[in-house]
C-alpha cells in the first residue's frame, strides 16, 4: 500500500530502517510501561 515507493537497499535505505525501527521501538517500549495491557506482555522481561 506504499504507492510504489522504493528506497532500494543502499546506505540510505539501511539508515532509514535502523533509525526508524529504533524510534518506533522507543515508543512501543514506552507504551509497554505506560499501558497495563502492554505491560502484561513486557513484565516478563523485568521479572
ModelCIF file with pLDDT and N, C-alpha, C, O atoms, coordinates in Angstrom:
data_MODEL
#
_entry.id   MODEL 
#
_entity.id                         1 
_entity.type                       polymer 
_entity.pdbx_number_of_molecules   1 
#
_entity_poly.entity_id                      1 
_entity_poly.type                           'polypeptide(L)' 
_entity_poly.nstd_linkage                   no 
_entity_poly.nstd_monomer                   no 
_entity_poly.pdbx_seq_one_letter_code       
;(UNK)(UNK)(UNK)(UNK)(UNK)(UNK)(UNK)(UNK)(UNK)(UNK)(UNK)(UNK)(UNK)(UNK)(UNK)(UNK)
(UNK)(UNK)(UNK)(UNK)(UNK)(UNK)(UNK)(UNK)(UNK)(UNK)(UNK)(UNK)(UNK)(UNK)(UNK)(UNK)
(UNK)(UNK)(UNK)(UNK)(UNK)(UNK)(UNK)(UNK)(UNK)(UNK)(UNK)(UNK)(UNK)(UNK)(UNK)
;
_entity_poly.pdbx_seq_one_letter_code_can   XXXXXXXXXXXXXXXXXXXXXXXXXXXXXXXXXXXXXXXXXXXXXXX 
_entity_poly.pdbx_strand_id                 A 
#
loop_
_entity_poly_seq.entity_id 
_entity_poly_seq.num 
_entity_poly_seq.mon_id 
_entity_poly_seq.hetero 
1 1  UNK n 
1 2  UNK n 
1 3  UNK n 
1 4  UNK n 
1 5  UNK n 
1 6  UNK n 
1 7  UNK n 
1 8  UNK n 
1 9  UNK n 
1 10 UNK n 
1 11 UNK n 
1 12 UNK n 
1 13 UNK n 
1 14 UNK n 
1 15 UNK n 
1 16 UNK n 
1 17 UNK n 
1 18 UNK n 
1 19 UNK n 
1 20 UNK n 
1 21 UNK n 
1 22 UNK n 
1 23 UNK n 
1 24 UNK n 
1 25 UNK n 
1 26 UNK n 
1 27 UNK n 
1 28 UNK n 
1 29 UNK n 
1 30 UNK n 
1 31 UNK n 
1 32 UNK n 
1 33 UNK n 
1 34 UNK n 
1 35 UNK n 
1 36 UNK n 
1 37 UNK n 
1 38 UNK n 
1 39 UNK n 
1 40 UNK n 
1 41 UNK n 
1 42 UNK n 
1 43 UNK n 
1 44 UNK n 
1 45 UNK n 
1 46 UNK n 
1 47 UNK n 
#
_struct_asym.id          A 
_struct_asym.entity_id   1 
#
loop_
_ma_qa_metric.id 
_ma_qa_metric.mode 
_ma_qa_metric.name 
_ma_qa_metric.software_group_id 
_ma_qa_metric.type 
1 global pLDDT . pLDDT 
2 local  pLDDT . pLDDT 
#
_ma_qa_metric_global.metric_id      1 
_ma_qa_metric_global.metric_value   95.91 
_ma_qa_metric_global.model_id       1 
_ma_qa_metric_global.ordinal_id     1 
#
loop_
_ma_qa_metric_local.label_asym_id 
_ma_qa_metric_local.label_comp_id 
_ma_qa_metric_local.label_seq_id 
_ma_qa_metric_local.metric_id 
_ma_qa_metric_local.metric_value 
_ma_qa_metric_local.model_id 
_ma_qa_metric_local.ordinal_id 
A UNK 1  2 90.00 1 1  
A UNK 2  2 88.00 1 2  
A UNK 3  2 87.00 1 3  
A UNK 4  2 89.00 1 4  
A UNK 5  2 92.00 1 5  
A UNK 6  2 94.00 1 6  
A UNK 7  2 94.00 1 7  
A UNK 8  2 94.00 1 8  
A UNK 9  2 92.00 1 9  
A UNK 10 2 93.00 1 10 
A UNK 11 2 94.00 1 11 
A UNK 12 2 93.00 1 12 
A UNK 13 2 95.00 1 13 
A UNK 14 2 95.00 1 14 
A UNK 15 2 95.00 1 15 
A UNK 16 2 96.00 1 16 
A UNK 17 2 97.00 1 17 
A UNK 18 2 97.00 1 18 
A UNK 19 2 97.00 1 19 
A UNK 20 2 97.00 1 20 
A UNK 21 2 97.00 1 21 
A UNK 22 2 98.00 1 22 
A UNK 23 2 98.00 1 23 
A UNK 24 2 97.00 1 24 
A UNK 25 2 98.00 1 25 
A UNK 26 2 98.00 1 26 
A UNK 27 2 98.00 1 27 
A UNK 28 2 98.00 1 28 
A UNK 29 2 98.00 1 29 
A UNK 30 2 98.00 1 30 
A UNK 31 2 98.00 1 31 
A UNK 32 2 98.00 1 32 
A UNK 33 2 98.00 1 33 
A UNK 34 2 97.00 1 34 
A UNK 35 2 98.00 1 35 
A UNK 36 2 98.00 1 36 
A UNK 37 2 97.00 1 37 
A UNK 38 2 98.00 1 38 
A UNK 39 2 98.00 1 39 
A UNK 40 2 98.00 1 40 
A UNK 41 2 97.00 1 41 
A UNK 42 2 98.00 1 42 
A UNK 43 2 98.00 1 43 
A UNK 44 2 97.00 1 44 
A UNK 45 2 98.00 1 45 
A UNK 46 2 98.00 1 46 
A UNK 47 2 97.00 1 47 
#
loop_
_atom_site.group_PDB 
_atom_site.id 
_atom_site.type_symbol 
_atom_site.label_atom_id 
_atom_site.label_alt_id 
_atom_site.label_comp_id 
_atom_site.label_asym_id 
_atom_site.label_entity_id 
_atom_site.label_seq_id 
_atom_site.pdbx_PDB_ins_code 
_atom_site.Cartn_x 
_atom_site.Cartn_y 
_atom_site.Cartn_z 
_atom_site.occupancy 
_atom_site.B_iso_or_equiv 
_atom_site.pdbx_formal_charge 
_atom_site.auth_seq_id 
_atom_site.auth_comp_id 
_atom_site.auth_asym_id 
_atom_site.auth_atom_id 
_atom_site.pdbx_PDB_model_num 
ATOM 1   N N  . UNK A 1 1  ? 0.815  -1.218  0.000  1.00 90.00 ? 1  UNK A N  1 
ATOM 2   C CA . UNK A 1 1  ? 0.000  0.000   0.000  1.00 90.00 ? 1  UNK A CA 1 
ATOM 3   C C  . UNK A 1 1  ? 0.850  1.270   0.000  1.00 90.00 ? 1  UNK A C  1 
ATOM 4   O O  . UNK A 1 1  ? 0.357  2.340   0.355  1.00 90.00 ? 1  UNK A O  1 
ATOM 5   N N  . UNK A 1 2  ? 2.123  1.164   -0.394 1.00 88.00 ? 2  UNK A N  1 
ATOM 6   C CA . UNK A 1 2  ? 3.008  2.334   -0.272 1.00 88.00 ? 2  UNK A CA 1 
ATOM 7   C C  . UNK A 1 2  ? 3.062  3.201   -1.524 1.00 88.00 ? 2  UNK A C  1 
ATOM 8   O O  . UNK A 1 2  ? 3.859  4.137   -1.595 1.00 88.00 ? 2  UNK A O  1 
ATOM 9   N N  . UNK A 1 3  ? 2.220  2.898   -2.513 1.00 87.00 ? 3  UNK A N  1 
ATOM 10  C CA . UNK A 1 3  ? 2.167  3.740   -3.703 1.00 87.00 ? 3  UNK A CA 1 
ATOM 11  C C  . UNK A 1 3  ? 3.371  3.632   -4.603 1.00 87.00 ? 3  UNK A C  1 
ATOM 12  O O  . UNK A 1 3  ? 3.642  4.552   -5.375 1.00 87.00 ? 3  UNK A O  1 
ATOM 13  N N  . UNK A 1 4  ? 4.109  2.531   -4.530 1.00 89.00 ? 4  UNK A N  1 
ATOM 14  C CA . UNK A 1 4  ? 5.246  2.330   -5.425 1.00 89.00 ? 4  UNK A CA 1 
ATOM 15  C C  . UNK A 1 4  ? 6.559  2.899   -4.940 1.00 89.00 ? 4  UNK A C  1 
ATOM 16  O O  . UNK A 1 4  ? 7.540  2.862   -5.683 1.00 89.00 ? 4  UNK A O  1 
ATOM 17  N N  . UNK A 1 5  ? 6.627  3.430   -3.720 1.00 92.00 ? 5  UNK A N  1 
ATOM 18  C CA . UNK A 1 5  ? 7.886  3.970   -3.207 1.00 92.00 ? 5  UNK A CA 1 
ATOM 19  C C  . UNK A 1 5  ? 8.871  2.830   -2.938 1.00 92.00 ? 5  UNK A C  1 
ATOM 20  O O  . UNK A 1 5  ? 8.479  1.780   -2.429 1.00 92.00 ? 5  UNK A O  1 
ATOM 21  N N  . UNK A 1 6  ? 10.138 3.032   -3.275 1.00 94.00 ? 6  UNK A N  1 
ATOM 22  C CA . UNK A 1 6  ? 11.158 2.009   -3.048 1.00 94.00 ? 6  UNK A CA 1 
ATOM 23  C C  . UNK A 1 6  ? 12.508 2.684   -2.885 1.00 94.00 ? 6  UNK A C  1 
ATOM 24  O O  . UNK A 1 6  ? 13.042 3.265   -3.830 1.00 94.00 ? 6  UNK A O  1 
ATOM 25  N N  . UNK A 1 7  ? 13.056 2.603   -1.676 1.00 94.00 ? 7  UNK A N  1 
ATOM 26  C CA . UNK A 1 7  ? 14.361 3.198   -1.389 1.00 94.00 ? 7  UNK A CA 1 
ATOM 27  C C  . UNK A 1 7  ? 15.512 2.270   -1.753 1.00 94.00 ? 7  UNK A C  1 
ATOM 28  O O  . UNK A 1 7  ? 16.679 2.625   -1.592 1.00 94.00 ? 7  UNK A O  1 
ATOM 29  N N  . UNK A 1 8  ? 15.176 1.073   -2.247 1.00 94.00 ? 8  UNK A N  1 
ATOM 30  C CA . UNK A 1 8  ? 16.224 0.133   -2.612 1.00 94.00 ? 8  UNK A CA 1 
ATOM 31  C C  . UNK A 1 8  ? 16.891 -0.473  -1.399 1.00 94.00 ? 8  UNK A C  1 
ATOM 32  O O  . UNK A 1 8  ? 16.269 -0.611  -0.346 1.00 94.00 ? 8  UNK A O  1 
ATOM 33  N N  . UNK A 1 9  ? 18.174 -0.843  -1.543 1.00 92.00 ? 9  UNK A N  1 
ATOM 34  C CA . UNK A 1 9  ? 18.893 -1.473  -0.435 1.00 92.00 ? 9  UNK A CA 1 
ATOM 35  C C  . UNK A 1 9  ? 20.257 -0.819  -0.219 1.00 92.00 ? 9  UNK A C  1 
ATOM 36  O O  . UNK A 1 9  ? 21.204 -1.471  0.218  1.00 92.00 ? 9  UNK A O  1 
ATOM 37  N N  . UNK A 1 10 ? 20.345 0.446   -0.521 1.00 93.00 ? 10 UNK A N  1 
ATOM 38  C CA . UNK A 1 10 ? 21.591 1.172   -0.319 1.00 93.00 ? 10 UNK A CA 1 
ATOM 39  C C  . UNK A 1 10 ? 21.739 1.678   1.100  1.00 93.00 ? 10 UNK A C  1 
ATOM 40  O O  . UNK A 1 10 ? 20.965 1.319   1.987  1.00 93.00 ? 10 UNK A O  1 
ATOM 41  N N  . UNK A 1 11 ? 22.749 2.521   1.305  1.00 94.00 ? 11 UNK A N  1 
ATOM 42  C CA . UNK A 1 11 ? 23.055 3.052   2.638  1.00 94.00 ? 11 UNK A CA 1 
ATOM 43  C C  . UNK A 1 11 ? 21.884 3.861   3.189  1.00 94.00 ? 11 UNK A C  1 
ATOM 44  O O  . UNK A 1 11 ? 21.566 3.750   4.373  1.00 94.00 ? 11 UNK A O  1 
ATOM 45  N N  . UNK A 1 12 ? 21.241 4.671   2.354  1.00 93.00 ? 12 UNK A N  1 
ATOM 46  C CA . UNK A 1 12 ? 20.116 5.492   2.815  1.00 93.00 ? 12 UNK A CA 1 
ATOM 47  C C  . UNK A 1 12 ? 18.971 4.620   3.314  1.00 93.00 ? 12 UNK A C  1 
ATOM 48  O O  . UNK A 1 12 ? 18.373 4.902   4.352  1.00 93.00 ? 12 UNK A O  1 
ATOM 49  N N  . UNK A 1 13 ? 18.670 3.566   2.574  1.00 95.00 ? 13 UNK A N  1 
ATOM 50  C CA . UNK A 1 13 ? 17.576 2.673   2.973  1.00 95.00 ? 13 UNK A CA 1 
ATOM 51  C C  . UNK A 1 13 ? 17.904 1.991   4.300  1.00 95.00 ? 13 UNK A C  1 
ATOM 52  O O  . UNK A 1 13 ? 17.048 1.882   5.177  1.00 95.00 ? 13 UNK A O  1 
ATOM 53  N N  . UNK A 1 14 ? 19.157 1.529   4.442  1.00 95.00 ? 14 UNK A N  1 
ATOM 54  C CA . UNK A 1 14 ? 19.552 0.898   5.706  1.00 95.00 ? 14 UNK A CA 1 
ATOM 55  C C  . UNK A 1 14 ? 19.478 1.893   6.863  1.00 95.00 ? 14 UNK A C  1 
ATOM 56  O O  . UNK A 1 14 ? 19.042 1.537   7.958  1.00 95.00 ? 14 UNK A O  1 
ATOM 57  N N  . UNK A 1 15 ? 19.897 3.123   6.634  1.00 95.00 ? 15 UNK A N  1 
ATOM 58  C CA . UNK A 1 15 ? 19.859 4.135   7.696  1.00 95.00 ? 15 UNK A CA 1 
ATOM 59  C C  . UNK A 1 15 ? 18.426 4.412   8.134  1.00 95.00 ? 15 UNK A C  1 
ATOM 60  O O  . UNK A 1 15 ? 18.142 4.490   9.329  1.00 95.00 ? 15 UNK A O  1 
ATOM 61  N N  . UNK A 1 16 ? 17.519 4.562   7.158  1.00 96.00 ? 16 UNK A N  1 
ATOM 62  C CA . UNK A 1 16 ? 16.109 4.787   7.486  1.00 96.00 ? 16 UNK A CA 1 
ATOM 63  C C  . UNK A 1 16 ? 15.555 3.602   8.260  1.00 96.00 ? 16 UNK A C  1 
ATOM 64  O O  . UNK A 1 16 ? 14.809 3.782   9.223  1.00 96.00 ? 16 UNK A O  1 
ATOM 65  N N  . UNK A 1 17 ? 15.917 2.381   7.843  1.00 97.00 ? 17 UNK A N  1 
ATOM 66  C CA . UNK A 1 17 ? 15.415 1.185   8.515  1.00 97.00 ? 17 UNK A CA 1 
ATOM 67  C C  . UNK A 1 17 ? 15.911 1.101   9.957  1.00 97.00 ? 17 UNK A C  1 
ATOM 68  O O  . UNK A 1 17 ? 15.120 0.853   10.867 1.00 97.00 ? 17 UNK A O  1 
ATOM 69  N N  . UNK A 1 18 ? 17.207 1.305   10.173 1.00 97.00 ? 18 UNK A N  1 
ATOM 70  C CA . UNK A 1 18 ? 17.785 1.175   11.521 1.00 97.00 ? 18 UNK A CA 1 
ATOM 71  C C  . UNK A 1 18 ? 17.269 2.267   12.446 1.00 97.00 ? 18 UNK A C  1 
ATOM 72  O O  . UNK A 1 18 ? 16.830 1.987   13.562 1.00 97.00 ? 18 UNK A O  1 
ATOM 73  N N  . UNK A 1 19 ? 17.322 3.523   11.980 1.00 97.00 ? 19 UNK A N  1 
ATOM 74  C CA . UNK A 1 19 ? 16.893 4.644   12.821 1.00 97.00 ? 19 UNK A CA 1 
ATOM 75  C C  . UNK A 1 19 ? 15.378 4.632   12.994 1.00 97.00 ? 19 UNK A C  1 
ATOM 76  O O  . UNK A 1 19 ? 14.869 4.895   14.084 1.00 97.00 ? 19 UNK A O  1 
ATOM 77  N N  . UNK A 1 20 ? 14.664 4.325   11.916 1.00 97.00 ? 20 UNK A N  1 
ATOM 78  C CA . UNK A 1 20 ? 13.206 4.264   12.011 1.00 97.00 ? 20 UNK A CA 1 
ATOM 79  C C  . UNK A 1 20 ? 12.743 3.192   12.966 1.00 97.00 ? 20 UNK A C  1 
ATOM 80  O O  . UNK A 1 20 ? 11.839 3.417   13.771 1.00 97.00 ? 20 UNK A O  1 
ATOM 81  N N  . UNK A 1 21 ? 13.362 2.016   12.882 1.00 97.00 ? 21 UNK A N  1 
ATOM 82  C CA . UNK A 1 21 ? 12.984 0.948   13.809 1.00 97.00 ? 21 UNK A CA 1 
ATOM 83  C C  . UNK A 1 21 ? 13.246 1.381   15.247 1.00 97.00 ? 21 UNK A C  1 
ATOM 84  O O  . UNK A 1 21 ? 12.426 1.136   16.132 1.00 97.00 ? 21 UNK A O  1 
ATOM 85  N N  . UNK A 1 22 ? 14.390 2.026   15.480 1.00 98.00 ? 22 UNK A N  1 
ATOM 86  C CA . UNK A 1 22 ? 14.749 2.411   16.848 1.00 98.00 ? 22 UNK A CA 1 
ATOM 87  C C  . UNK A 1 22 ? 13.772 3.445   17.413 1.00 98.00 ? 22 UNK A C  1 
ATOM 88  O O  . UNK A 1 22 ? 13.416 3.385   18.590 1.00 98.00 ? 22 UNK A O  1 
ATOM 89  N N  . UNK A 1 23 ? 13.343 4.386   16.581 1.00 98.00 ? 23 UNK A N  1 
ATOM 90  C CA . UNK A 1 23 ? 12.376 5.388   17.049 1.00 98.00 ? 23 UNK A CA 1 
ATOM 91  C C  . UNK A 1 23 ? 11.026 4.744   17.357 1.00 98.00 ? 23 UNK A C  1 
ATOM 92  O O  . UNK A 1 23 ? 10.417 5.032   18.387 1.00 98.00 ? 23 UNK A O  1 
ATOM 93  N N  . UNK A 1 24 ? 10.562 3.873   16.464 1.00 97.00 ? 24 UNK A N  1 
ATOM 94  C CA . UNK A 1 24 ? 9.287  3.195   16.718 1.00 97.00 ? 24 UNK A CA 1 
ATOM 95  C C  . UNK A 1 24 ? 9.411  2.290   17.935 1.00 97.00 ? 24 UNK A C  1 
ATOM 96  O O  . UNK A 1 24 ? 8.482  2.181   18.735 1.00 97.00 ? 24 UNK A O  1 
ATOM 97  N N  . UNK A 1 25 ? 10.574 1.634   18.071 1.00 98.00 ? 25 UNK A N  1 
ATOM 98  C CA . UNK A 1 25 ? 10.800 0.779   19.243 1.00 98.00 ? 25 UNK A CA 1 
ATOM 99  C C  . UNK A 1 25 ? 10.709 1.592   20.531 1.00 98.00 ? 25 UNK A C  1 
ATOM 100 O O  . UNK A 1 25 ? 10.117 1.142   21.513 1.00 98.00 ? 25 UNK A O  1 
ATOM 101 N N  . UNK A 1 26 ? 11.294 2.786   20.528 1.00 98.00 ? 26 UNK A N  1 
ATOM 102 C CA . UNK A 1 26 ? 11.232 3.627   21.735 1.00 98.00 ? 26 UNK A CA 1 
ATOM 103 C C  . UNK A 1 26 ? 9.791  3.824   22.177 1.00 98.00 ? 26 UNK A C  1 
ATOM 104 O O  . UNK A 1 26 ? 9.466  3.637   23.349 1.00 98.00 ? 26 UNK A O  1 
ATOM 105 N N  . UNK A 1 27 ? 8.915  4.205   21.228 1.00 98.00 ? 27 UNK A N  1 
ATOM 106 C CA . UNK A 1 27 ? 7.537  4.484   21.603 1.00 98.00 ? 27 UNK A CA 1 
ATOM 107 C C  . UNK A 1 27 ? 6.786  3.219   22.010 1.00 98.00 ? 27 UNK A C  1 
ATOM 108 O O  . UNK A 1 27 ? 5.980  3.252   22.939 1.00 98.00 ? 27 UNK A O  1 
ATOM 109 N N  . UNK A 1 28 ? 7.037  2.119   21.334 1.00 98.00 ? 28 UNK A N  1 
ATOM 110 C CA . UNK A 1 28 ? 6.395  0.871   21.740 1.00 98.00 ? 28 UNK A CA 1 
ATOM 111 C C  . UNK A 1 28 ? 6.876  0.427   23.116 1.00 98.00 ? 28 UNK A C  1 
ATOM 112 O O  . UNK A 1 28 ? 6.088  -0.036  23.941 1.00 98.00 ? 28 UNK A O  1 
ATOM 113 N N  . UNK A 1 29 ? 8.176  0.574   23.355 1.00 98.00 ? 29 UNK A N  1 
ATOM 114 C CA . UNK A 1 29 ? 8.734  0.200   24.655 1.00 98.00 ? 29 UNK A CA 1 
ATOM 115 C C  . UNK A 1 29 ? 8.166  1.093   25.759 1.00 98.00 ? 29 UNK A C  1 
ATOM 116 O O  . UNK A 1 29 ? 7.847  0.622   26.851 1.00 98.00 ? 29 UNK A O  1 
ATOM 117 N N  . UNK A 1 30 ? 8.048  2.363   25.466 1.00 98.00 ? 30 UNK A N  1 
ATOM 118 C CA . UNK A 1 30 ? 7.482  3.285   26.453 1.00 98.00 ? 30 UNK A CA 1 
ATOM 119 C C  . UNK A 1 30 ? 6.023  2.944   26.735 1.00 98.00 ? 30 UNK A C  1 
ATOM 120 O O  . UNK A 1 30 ? 5.595  2.934   27.889 1.00 98.00 ? 30 UNK A O  1 
ATOM 121 N N  . UNK A 1 31 ? 5.260  2.666   25.679 1.00 98.00 ? 31 UNK A N  1 
ATOM 122 C CA . UNK A 1 31 ? 3.854  2.298   25.867 1.00 98.00 ? 31 UNK A CA 1 
ATOM 123 C C  . UNK A 1 31 ? 3.721  1.024   26.685 1.00 98.00 ? 31 UNK A C  1 
ATOM 124 O O  . UNK A 1 31 ? 2.764  0.872   27.444 1.00 98.00 ? 31 UNK A O  1 
ATOM 125 N N  . UNK A 1 32 ? 4.680  0.099   26.538 1.00 98.00 ? 32 UNK A N  1 
ATOM 126 C CA . UNK A 1 32 ? 4.614  -1.142  27.310 1.00 98.00 ? 32 UNK A CA 1 
ATOM 127 C C  . UNK A 1 32 ? 4.803  -0.889  28.802 1.00 98.00 ? 32 UNK A C  1 
ATOM 128 O O  . UNK A 1 32 ? 4.460  -1.738  29.625 1.00 98.00 ? 32 UNK A O  1 
ATOM 129 N N  . UNK A 1 33 ? 5.336  0.251   29.145 1.00 98.00 ? 33 UNK A N  1 
ATOM 130 C CA . UNK A 1 33 ? 5.467  0.615   30.561 1.00 98.00 ? 33 UNK A CA 1 
ATOM 131 C C  . UNK A 1 33 ? 4.315  1.496   31.040 1.00 98.00 ? 33 UNK A C  1 
ATOM 132 O O  . UNK A 1 33 ? 4.094  1.619   32.245 1.00 98.00 ? 33 UNK A O  1 
ATOM 133 N N  . UNK A 1 34 ? 3.588  2.102   30.120 1.00 97.00 ? 34 UNK A N  1 
ATOM 134 C CA . UNK A 1 34 ? 2.565  3.079   30.496 1.00 97.00 ? 34 UNK A CA 1 
ATOM 135 C C  . UNK A 1 34 ? 1.142  2.603   30.241 1.00 97.00 ? 34 UNK A C  1 
ATOM 136 O O  . UNK A 1 34 ? 0.196  3.267   30.666 1.00 97.00 ? 34 UNK A O  1 
ATOM 137 N N  . UNK A 1 35 ? 0.963  1.486   29.567 1.00 98.00 ? 35 UNK A N  1 
ATOM 138 C CA . UNK A 1 35 ? -0.361 0.897   29.328 1.00 98.00 ? 35 UNK A CA 1 
ATOM 139 C C  . UNK A 1 35 ? -0.345 -0.502  29.928 1.00 98.00 ? 35 UNK A C  1 
ATOM 140 O O  . UNK A 1 35 ? 0.470  -1.338  29.538 1.00 98.00 ? 35 UNK A O  1 
ATOM 141 N N  . UNK A 1 36 ? -1.229 -0.756  30.858 1.00 98.00 ? 36 UNK A N  1 
ATOM 142 C CA . UNK A 1 36 ? -1.116 -2.004  31.606 1.00 98.00 ? 36 UNK A CA 1 
ATOM 143 C C  . UNK A 1 36 ? -1.303 -3.249  30.740 1.00 98.00 ? 36 UNK A C  1 
ATOM 144 O O  . UNK A 1 36 ? -0.653 -4.267  30.978 1.00 98.00 ? 36 UNK A O  1 
ATOM 145 N N  . UNK A 1 37 ? -2.182 -3.181  29.740 1.00 97.00 ? 37 UNK A N  1 
ATOM 146 C CA . UNK A 1 37 ? -2.378 -4.335  28.866 1.00 97.00 ? 37 UNK A CA 1 
ATOM 147 C C  . UNK A 1 37 ? -1.085 -4.693  28.143 1.00 97.00 ? 37 UNK A C  1 
ATOM 148 O O  . UNK A 1 37 ? -0.828 -5.869  27.885 1.00 97.00 ? 37 UNK A O  1 
ATOM 149 N N  . UNK A 1 38 ? -0.272 -3.698  27.814 1.00 98.00 ? 38 UNK A N  1 
ATOM 150 C CA . UNK A 1 38 ? 1.010  -3.946  27.175 1.00 98.00 ? 38 UNK A CA 1 
ATOM 151 C C  . UNK A 1 38 ? 2.087  -4.296  28.201 1.00 98.00 ? 38 UNK A C  1 
ATOM 152 O O  . UNK A 1 38 ? 3.003  -5.064  27.910 1.00 98.00 ? 38 UNK A O  1 
ATOM 153 N N  . UNK A 1 39 ? 1.971  -3.732  29.392 1.00 98.00 ? 39 UNK A N  1 
ATOM 154 C CA . UNK A 1 39 ? 2.891  -4.097  30.471 1.00 98.00 ? 39 UNK A CA 1 
ATOM 155 C C  . UNK A 1 39 ? 2.771  -5.587  30.799 1.00 98.00 ? 39 UNK A C  1 
ATOM 156 O O  . UNK A 1 39 ? 3.763  -6.222  31.153 1.00 98.00 ? 39 UNK A O  1 
ATOM 157 N N  . UNK A 1 40 ? 1.580  -6.140  30.685 1.00 98.00 ? 40 UNK A N  1 
ATOM 158 C CA . UNK A 1 40 ? 1.387  -7.570  30.952 1.00 98.00 ? 40 UNK A CA 1 
ATOM 159 C C  . UNK A 1 40 ? 2.224  -8.424  30.007 1.00 98.00 ? 40 UNK A C  1 
ATOM 160 O O  . UNK A 1 40 ? 2.633  -9.529  30.365 1.00 98.00 ? 40 UNK A O  1 
ATOM 161 N N  . UNK A 1 41 ? 2.481  -7.919  28.805 1.00 97.00 ? 41 UNK A N  1 
ATOM 162 C CA . UNK A 1 41 ? 3.353  -8.623  27.859 1.00 97.00 ? 41 UNK A CA 1 
ATOM 163 C C  . UNK A 1 41 ? 4.811  -8.448  28.260 1.00 97.00 ? 41 UNK A C  1 
ATOM 164 O O  . UNK A 1 41 ? 5.579  -9.410  28.271 1.00 97.00 ? 41 UNK A O  1 
ATOM 165 N N  . UNK A 1 42 ? 5.182  -7.234  28.585 1.00 98.00 ? 42 UNK A N  1 
ATOM 166 C CA . UNK A 1 42 ? 6.592  -6.861  28.781 1.00 98.00 ? 42 UNK A CA 1 
ATOM 167 C C  . UNK A 1 42 ? 7.113  -7.182  30.179 1.00 98.00 ? 42 UNK A C  1 
ATOM 168 O O  . UNK A 1 42 ? 8.324  -7.274  30.375 1.00 98.00 ? 42 UNK A O  1 
ATOM 169 N N  . UNK A 1 43 ? 6.226  -7.353  31.146 1.00 98.00 ? 43 UNK A N  1 
ATOM 170 C CA . UNK A 1 43 ? 6.648  -7.560  32.530 1.00 98.00 ? 43 UNK A CA 1 
ATOM 171 C C  . UNK A 1 43 ? 7.534  -8.791  32.671 1.00 98.00 ? 43 UNK A C  1 
ATOM 172 O O  . UNK A 1 43 ? 8.335  -8.882  33.601 1.00 98.00 ? 43 UNK A O  1 
ATOM 173 N N  . UNK A 1 44 ? 7.388  -9.739  31.747 1.00 97.00 ? 44 UNK A N  1 
ATOM 174 C CA . UNK A 1 44 ? 8.240  -10.927 31.742 1.00 97.00 ? 44 UNK A CA 1 
ATOM 175 C C  . UNK A 1 44 ? 9.712  -10.530 31.779 1.00 97.00 ? 44 UNK A C  1 
ATOM 176 O O  . UNK A 1 44 ? 10.504 -11.109 32.524 1.00 97.00 ? 44 UNK A O  1 
ATOM 177 N N  . UNK A 1 45 ? 10.062 -9.551  30.978 1.00 98.00 ? 45 UNK A N  1 
ATOM 178 C CA . UNK A 1 45 ? 11.465 -9.156  30.843 1.00 98.00 ? 45 UNK A CA 1 
ATOM 179 C C  . UNK A 1 45 ? 11.994 -8.488  32.107 1.00 98.00 ? 45 UNK A C  1 
ATOM 180 O O  . UNK A 1 45 ? 13.203 -8.485  32.338 1.00 98.00 ? 45 UNK A O  1 
ATOM 181 N N  . UNK A 1 46 ? 11.126 -7.931  32.917 1.00 98.00 ? 46 UNK A N  1 
ATOM 182 C CA . UNK A 1 46 ? 11.539 -7.226  34.131 1.00 98.00 ? 46 UNK A CA 1 
ATOM 183 C C  . UNK A 1 46 ? 11.366 -8.067  35.391 1.00 98.00 ? 46 UNK A C  1 
ATOM 184 O O  . UNK A 1 46 ? 11.621 -7.584  36.494 1.00 98.00 ? 46 UNK A O  1 
ATOM 185 N N  . UNK A 1 47 ? 10.943 -9.299  35.243 1.00 97.00 ? 47 UNK A N  1 
ATOM 186 C CA . UNK A 1 47 ? 10.567 -10.101 36.409 1.00 97.00 ? 47 UNK A CA 1 
ATOM 187 C C  . UNK A 1 47 ? 11.751 -10.662 37.184 1.00 97.00 ? 47 UNK A C  1 
ATOM 188 O O  . UNK A 1 47 ? 11.563 -11.354 38.184 1.00 97.00 ? 47 UNK A O  1 
#
